[in-house]
Amino acid sequence: MSGPLVVDALGRRCPLPVIMLAKLATGQSPGTRIEVLADDPAAAIDIPAWCRLRGHTFISTDGDRHTVELR
């Protein structure tokens, strides 16, 4: 198994990190992990909210790294 997919949204403002996450998530298999690198403070709120709305699992936020697992 390879590592997580990565979305580099550093320097991008809301809603771009979530839009980039959604685009990458499309067509990926359940169980795929995606790390979103985002330094916009809103990402810490928007990414977990996106997971709830889409039925995915929000794993964690560690600094500017937000980890999601697709369902």
C-alpha atoms as a PDB file:
ATOM      1  CA  MET A   1       0.000   0.000   0.000  1.00  0.00           C
ATOM      2  CA  SER A   2       1.322   3.409  -0.900  1.00  0.00           C
ATOM      3  CA  GLY A   3       1.115   6.510   1.265  1.00  0.00           C
ATOM      4  CA  PRO A   4      -1.732   9.004   1.281  1.00  0.00           C
ATOM      5  CA  LEU A   5      -2.553  11.226  -1.646  1.00  0.00           C
ATOM      6  CA  VAL A   6      -1.616  14.858  -1.026  1.00  0.00           C
ATOM      7  CA  VAL A   7      -3.421  18.072  -1.888  1.00  0.00           C
ATOM      8  CA  ASP A   8      -1.068  21.059  -1.653  1.00  0.00           C
ATOM      9  CA  ALA A   9      -3.347  23.998  -0.942  1.00  0.00           C
ATOM     10  CA  LEU A  10      -0.782  26.048   0.991  1.00  0.00           C
ATOM     11  CA  GLY A  11      -1.364  29.747   0.366  1.00  0.00           C
ATOM     12  CA  ARG A  12      -4.866  29.137  -1.009  1.00  0.00           C
ATOM     13  CA  ARG A  13      -7.865  30.630   0.705  1.00  0.00           C
ATOM     14  CA  CYS A  14     -11.295  29.195   1.450  1.00  0.00           C
ATOM     15  CA  PRO A  15     -12.996  27.535  -0.344  1.00  0.00           C
ATOM     16  CA  LEU A  16     -10.111  26.382  -2.575  1.00  0.00           C
ATOM     17  CA  PRO A  17      -8.631  23.741  -0.211  1.00  0.00           C
ATOM     18  CA  VAL A  18     -12.002  21.944   0.007  1.00  0.00           C
ATOM     19  CA  ILE A  19     -12.601  22.280  -3.737  1.00  0.00           C
ATOM     20  CA  MET A  20      -9.165  20.772  -4.409  1.00  0.00           C
ATOM     21  CA  LEU A  21      -9.876  17.949  -1.913  1.00  0.00           C
ATOM     22  CA  ALA A  22     -13.239  17.177  -3.520  1.00  0.00           C
ATOM     23  CA  LYS A  23     -11.704  17.092  -6.998  1.00  0.00           C
ATOM     24  CA  LEU A  24      -8.976  14.652  -5.940  1.00  0.00           C
ATOM     25  CA  ALA A  25     -11.448  12.492  -3.973  1.00  0.00           C
ATOM     26  CA  THR A  26     -13.649  11.948  -7.028  1.00  0.00           C
ATOM     27  CA  GLY A  27     -13.207   8.421  -8.318  1.00  0.00           C
ATOM     28  CA  GLN A  28     -10.878   7.286  -5.515  1.00  0.00           C
ATOM     29  CA  SER A  29     -11.507   3.979  -3.740  1.00  0.00           C
ATOM     30  CA  PRO A  30     -12.974   3.739  -0.234  1.00  0.00           C
ATOM     31  CA  GLY A  31     -10.193   3.614   2.339  1.00  0.00           C
ATOM     32  CA  THR A  32      -8.024   6.057   0.392  1.00  0.00           C
ATOM     33  CA  ARG A  33      -6.347   8.591   2.664  1.00  0.00           C
ATOM     34  CA  ILE A  34      -5.836  12.144   1.526  1.00  0.00           C
ATOM     35  CA  GLU A  35      -3.683  14.706   3.303  1.00  0.00           C
ATOM     36  CA  VAL A  36      -4.608  18.312   2.639  1.00  0.00           C
ATOM     37  CA  LEU A  37      -1.827  20.828   3.237  1.00  0.00           C
ATOM     38  CA  ALA A  38      -3.656  24.070   3.944  1.00  0.00           C
ATOM     39  CA  ASP A  39      -2.586  27.080   5.993  1.00  0.00           C
ATOM     40  CA  ASP A  40      -5.914  28.922   5.768  1.00  0.00           C
ATOM     41  CA  PRO A  41      -7.371  28.759   9.321  1.00  0.00           C
ATOM     42  CA  ALA A  42     -10.816  28.064   7.826  1.00  0.00           C
ATOM     43  CA  ALA A  43      -9.551  24.710   6.503  1.00  0.00           C
ATOM     44  CA  ALA A  44      -9.574  23.294  10.050  1.00  0.00           C
ATOM     45  CA  ILE A  45     -13.340  23.876  10.069  1.00  0.00           C
ATOM     46  CA  ASP A  46     -14.195  23.370   6.404  1.00  0.00           C
ATOM     47  CA  ILE A  47     -12.454  20.017   5.860  1.00  0.00           C
ATOM     48  CA  PRO A  48     -14.154  18.182   8.779  1.00  0.00           C
ATOM     49  CA  ALA A  49     -17.482  19.724   7.686  1.00  0.00           C
ATOM     50  CA  TRP A  50     -16.930  18.460   4.125  1.00  0.00           C
ATOM     51  CA  CYS A  51     -16.253  14.978   5.526  1.00  0.00           C
ATOM     52  CA  ARG A  52     -19.511  15.008   7.511  1.00  0.00           C
ATOM     53  CA  LEU A  53     -21.509  16.169   4.495  1.00  0.00           C
ATOM     54  CA  ARG A  54     -19.956  13.591   2.151  1.00  0.00           C
ATOM     55  CA  GLY A  55     -19.844  10.664   4.579  1.00  0.00           C
ATOM     56  CA  HIS A  56     -16.051  10.444   4.766  1.00  0.00           C
ATOM     57  CA  THR A  57     -13.946  10.132   7.923  1.00  0.00           C
ATOM     58  CA  PHE A  58     -11.968  13.090   9.204  1.00  0.00           C
ATOM     59  CA  ILE A  59      -8.841  11.644  10.837  1.00  0.00           C
ATOM     60  CA  SER A  60      -6.900  14.596  12.248  1.00  0.00           C
ATOM     61  CA  THR A  61      -5.408  18.043  11.953  1.00  0.00           C
ATOM     62  CA  ASP A  62      -1.710  18.419  12.752  1.00  0.00           C
ATOM     63  CA  GLY A  63      -0.629  21.990  12.090  1.00  0.00           C
ATOM     64  CA  ASP A  64      -1.321  22.661   8.411  1.00  0.00           C
ATOM     65  CA  ARG A  65      -1.866  18.948   7.594  1.00  0.00           C
ATOM     66  CA  HIS A  66      -5.463  17.694   7.562  1.00  0.00           C
ATOM     67  CA  THR A  67      -6.029  13.957   7.023  1.00  0.00           C
ATOM     68  CA  VAL A  68      -9.183  12.414   5.578  1.00  0.00           C
ATOM     69  CA  GLU A  69     -10.152   8.808   4.828  1.00  0.00           C
ATOM     70  CA  LEU A  70     -12.674   8.246   2.059  1.00  0.00           C
ATOM     71  CA  ARG A  71     -15.676   5.975   2.585  1.00  0.00           C
END
